[in-house]
Amino acid sequence: MTAPSLTAAQVRADVAELLQVEPSSIGLTDNLFDLGLDSVRVMTLIERWRTAGAALEFPDLAEQPELGHWQSLAGVSE
């Protein structure tokens, strides 16, 4: 098995891409649903991150929709 290739910067960039904002505009504790992320986009992110080696589930991300929390669940940090 190969090592996960996901990084904190990639998580941030992927979220920003779907929100159509600059990555630096997303704070670690911002509620990503309040910023416009929806469940369909979250599933897109989960599939992308699973391909990169992260074992993530929708309920875990939806419970605390914050960038910092998602990075932690993915096992990466800034």
N, C-alpha and C. Protein backbone atom coordinates (compact mmCIF):
# COMPACT_ATOMS: atom_id res chain seq x y z
N MET A 1 0.86 -1.19 0.00
CA MET A 1 0.00 0.00 0.00
C MET A 1 0.89 1.24 0.00
N THR A 2 0.50 2.23 -0.78
CA THR A 2 1.29 3.45 -0.86
C THR A 2 0.88 4.41 0.26
N ALA A 3 1.77 5.30 0.61
CA ALA A 3 1.49 6.29 1.64
C ALA A 3 0.46 7.29 1.13
N PRO A 4 -0.37 7.78 2.02
CA PRO A 4 -1.35 8.79 1.61
C PRO A 4 -0.64 10.01 1.02
N SER A 5 -1.22 10.56 -0.02
CA SER A 5 -0.61 11.71 -0.68
C SER A 5 -1.33 13.02 -0.36
N LEU A 6 -2.31 12.96 0.51
CA LEU A 6 -3.09 14.14 0.85
C LEU A 6 -2.32 15.02 1.83
N THR A 7 -2.38 16.32 1.61
CA THR A 7 -1.74 17.29 2.50
C THR A 7 -2.79 18.28 3.00
N ALA A 8 -2.44 19.00 4.05
CA ALA A 8 -3.34 20.04 4.57
C ALA A 8 -3.61 21.10 3.50
N ALA A 9 -2.56 21.46 2.77
CA ALA A 9 -2.72 22.46 1.71
C ALA A 9 -3.66 21.97 0.62
N GLN A 10 -3.60 20.67 0.32
CA GLN A 10 -4.49 20.11 -0.70
C GLN A 10 -5.94 20.11 -0.23
N VAL A 11 -6.16 19.76 1.03
CA VAL A 11 -7.52 19.80 1.59
C VAL A 11 -8.07 21.21 1.47
N ARG A 12 -7.26 22.19 1.86
CA ARG A 12 -7.68 23.60 1.78
C ARG A 12 -7.96 23.99 0.33
N ALA A 13 -7.07 23.63 -0.57
CA ALA A 13 -7.23 24.00 -1.98
C ALA A 13 -8.47 23.34 -2.58
N ASP A 14 -8.72 22.08 -2.24
CA ASP A 14 -9.89 21.38 -2.79
C ASP A 14 -11.19 22.02 -2.32
N VAL A 15 -11.26 22.36 -1.03
CA VAL A 15 -12.46 23.02 -0.50
C VAL A 15 -12.64 24.37 -1.18
N ALA A 16 -11.56 25.14 -1.28
CA ALA A 16 -11.63 26.47 -1.89
C ALA A 16 -12.08 26.38 -3.35
N GLU A 17 -11.59 25.37 -4.05
CA GLU A 17 -11.98 25.19 -5.46
C GLU A 17 -13.49 25.02 -5.59
N LEU A 18 -14.07 24.19 -4.74
CA LEU A 18 -15.51 23.95 -4.82
C LEU A 18 -16.33 25.15 -4.35
N LEU A 19 -15.76 25.94 -3.46
CA LEU A 19 -16.45 27.16 -3.01
C LEU A 19 -16.17 28.35 -3.92
N GLN A 20 -15.23 28.18 -4.84
CA GLN A 20 -14.83 29.23 -5.77
C GLN A 20 -14.33 30.46 -5.03
N VAL A 21 -13.43 30.21 -4.06
CA VAL A 21 -12.79 31.28 -3.30
C VAL A 21 -11.29 31.01 -3.23
N GLU A 22 -10.55 32.01 -2.78
CA GLU A 22 -9.12 31.83 -2.56
C GLU A 22 -8.91 30.94 -1.33
N PRO A 23 -7.98 30.00 -1.39
CA PRO A 23 -7.74 29.13 -0.23
C PRO A 23 -7.47 29.90 1.05
N SER A 24 -6.75 31.01 0.96
CA SER A 24 -6.41 31.77 2.16
C SER A 24 -7.62 32.44 2.80
N SER A 25 -8.74 32.51 2.10
CA SER A 25 -9.93 33.15 2.65
C SER A 25 -10.72 32.23 3.58
N ILE A 26 -10.33 30.96 3.67
CA ILE A 26 -11.05 30.00 4.51
C ILE A 26 -10.29 29.81 5.82
N GLY A 27 -10.94 30.17 6.91
CA GLY A 27 -10.34 29.99 8.23
C GLY A 27 -10.49 28.55 8.70
N LEU A 28 -9.61 28.13 9.59
CA LEU A 28 -9.64 26.76 10.09
C LEU A 28 -10.92 26.43 10.84
N THR A 29 -11.59 27.44 11.41
CA THR A 29 -12.81 27.19 12.18
C THR A 29 -14.07 27.72 11.51
N ASP A 30 -13.95 28.19 10.27
CA ASP A 30 -15.14 28.63 9.53
C ASP A 30 -16.06 27.44 9.28
N ASN A 31 -17.37 27.67 9.40
CA ASN A 31 -18.33 26.63 9.07
C ASN A 31 -18.43 26.57 7.54
N LEU A 32 -18.00 25.46 6.97
CA LEU A 32 -17.93 25.34 5.52
C LEU A 32 -19.32 25.28 4.88
N PHE A 33 -20.31 24.81 5.61
CA PHE A 33 -21.67 24.84 5.08
C PHE A 33 -22.18 26.27 5.00
N ASP A 34 -21.83 27.07 6.00
CA ASP A 34 -22.22 28.49 5.98
C ASP A 34 -21.56 29.22 4.81
N LEU A 35 -20.38 28.74 4.41
CA LEU A 35 -19.67 29.36 3.28
C LEU A 35 -20.21 28.91 1.92
N GLY A 36 -21.12 27.93 1.92
CA GLY A 36 -21.75 27.51 0.68
C GLY A 36 -21.51 26.07 0.26
N LEU A 37 -20.74 25.33 1.03
CA LEU A 37 -20.53 23.92 0.69
C LEU A 37 -21.82 23.16 0.95
N ASP A 38 -22.13 22.20 0.11
CA ASP A 38 -23.33 21.39 0.30
C ASP A 38 -22.94 19.91 0.30
N SER A 39 -23.91 19.05 0.57
CA SER A 39 -23.62 17.63 0.73
C SER A 39 -23.07 16.99 -0.54
N VAL A 40 -23.53 17.42 -1.68
CA VAL A 40 -23.02 16.86 -2.95
C VAL A 40 -21.54 17.19 -3.11
N ARG A 41 -21.18 18.41 -2.80
CA ARG A 41 -19.76 18.80 -2.89
C ARG A 41 -18.92 18.08 -1.85
N VAL A 42 -19.47 17.86 -0.66
CA VAL A 42 -18.74 17.12 0.36
C VAL A 42 -18.46 15.70 -0.13
N MET A 43 -19.43 15.08 -0.77
CA MET A 43 -19.21 13.73 -1.30
C MET A 43 -18.13 13.74 -2.38
N THR A 44 -18.10 14.79 -3.19
CA THR A 44 -17.05 14.94 -4.20
C THR A 44 -15.68 14.99 -3.53
N LEU A 45 -15.59 15.77 -2.46
CA LEU A 45 -14.33 15.88 -1.73
C LEU A 45 -13.93 14.54 -1.11
N ILE A 46 -14.89 13.85 -0.51
CA ILE A 46 -14.60 12.56 0.11
C ILE A 46 -14.02 11.58 -0.91
N GLU A 47 -14.63 11.51 -2.08
CA GLU A 47 -14.13 10.60 -3.10
C GLU A 47 -12.73 11.00 -3.55
N ARG A 48 -12.51 12.28 -3.73
CA ARG A 48 -11.18 12.78 -4.13
C ARG A 48 -10.15 12.42 -3.07
N TRP A 49 -10.50 12.62 -1.80
CA TRP A 49 -9.55 12.38 -0.72
C TRP A 49 -9.34 10.89 -0.46
N ARG A 50 -10.36 10.09 -0.68
CA ARG A 50 -10.18 8.64 -0.56
C ARG A 50 -9.19 8.14 -1.60
N THR A 51 -9.27 8.69 -2.80
CA THR A 51 -8.33 8.33 -3.86
C THR A 51 -6.90 8.67 -3.44
N ALA A 52 -6.76 9.74 -2.64
CA ALA A 52 -5.44 10.16 -2.17
C ALA A 52 -5.01 9.40 -0.91
N GLY A 53 -5.86 8.51 -0.42
CA GLY A 53 -5.48 7.66 0.71
C GLY A 53 -6.12 7.96 2.04
N ALA A 54 -7.01 8.93 2.11
CA ALA A 54 -7.66 9.27 3.38
C ALA A 54 -8.95 8.48 3.54
N ALA A 55 -9.16 7.92 4.72
CA ALA A 55 -10.37 7.15 5.00
C ALA A 55 -11.36 8.07 5.72
N LEU A 56 -12.22 8.70 4.95
CA LEU A 56 -13.18 9.65 5.50
C LEU A 56 -14.61 9.21 5.22
N GLU A 57 -15.50 9.58 6.14
CA GLU A 57 -16.93 9.27 5.99
C GLU A 57 -17.73 10.56 6.11
N PHE A 58 -18.83 10.64 5.37
CA PHE A 58 -19.66 11.84 5.36
C PHE A 58 -20.11 12.28 6.75
N PRO A 59 -20.65 11.38 7.57
CA PRO A 59 -21.14 11.84 8.89
C PRO A 59 -20.05 12.52 9.73
N ASP A 60 -18.83 12.04 9.63
CA ASP A 60 -17.73 12.63 10.39
C ASP A 60 -17.45 14.06 9.94
N LEU A 61 -17.51 14.29 8.64
CA LEU A 61 -17.27 15.63 8.12
C LEU A 61 -18.45 16.55 8.41
N ALA A 62 -19.66 16.03 8.26
CA ALA A 62 -20.86 16.85 8.46
C ALA A 62 -21.04 17.25 9.93
N GLU A 63 -20.56 16.43 10.84
CA GLU A 63 -20.71 16.71 12.27
C GLU A 63 -20.01 18.00 12.68
N GLN A 64 -18.86 18.25 12.10
CA GLN A 64 -18.09 19.46 12.40
C GLN A 64 -17.48 19.97 11.10
N PRO A 65 -18.25 20.75 10.33
CA PRO A 65 -17.80 21.17 8.99
C PRO A 65 -16.82 22.34 9.03
N GLU A 66 -15.67 22.09 9.60
CA GLU A 66 -14.62 23.10 9.69
C GLU A 66 -13.35 22.56 9.05
N LEU A 67 -12.64 23.41 8.35
CA LEU A 67 -11.44 23.00 7.63
C LEU A 67 -10.43 22.32 8.55
N GLY A 68 -10.17 22.91 9.70
CA GLY A 68 -9.20 22.34 10.63
C GLY A 68 -9.60 20.95 11.09
N HIS A 69 -10.87 20.76 11.36
CA HIS A 69 -11.37 19.44 11.78
C HIS A 69 -11.21 18.43 10.65
N TRP A 70 -11.54 18.84 9.44
CA TRP A 70 -11.43 17.92 8.31
C TRP A 70 -9.98 17.53 8.07
N GLN A 71 -9.08 18.50 8.21
CA GLN A 71 -7.66 18.19 8.05
C GLN A 71 -7.22 17.18 9.10
N SER A 72 -7.70 17.37 10.32
CA SER A 72 -7.37 16.45 11.40
C SER A 72 -7.90 15.04 11.11
N LEU A 73 -9.14 14.94 10.65
CA LEU A 73 -9.71 13.64 10.31
C LEU A 73 -8.92 12.96 9.18
N ALA A 74 -8.39 13.77 8.28
CA ALA A 74 -7.62 13.22 7.16
C ALA A 74 -6.19 12.89 7.58
N GLY A 75 -5.83 13.25 8.81
CA GLY A 75 -4.50 12.95 9.30
C GLY A 75 -3.42 13.89 8.81
N VAL A 76 -3.83 15.11 8.45
CA VAL A 76 -2.87 16.11 7.99
C VAL A 76 -3.08 17.37 8.82
N SER A 77 -2.07 18.23 8.90
CA SER A 77 -2.22 19.49 9.61
C SER A 77 -1.39 20.56 8.93
N GLU A 78 -1.78 21.79 9.16
CA GLU A 78 -1.09 22.92 8.53
C GLU A 78 0.19 23.24 9.25
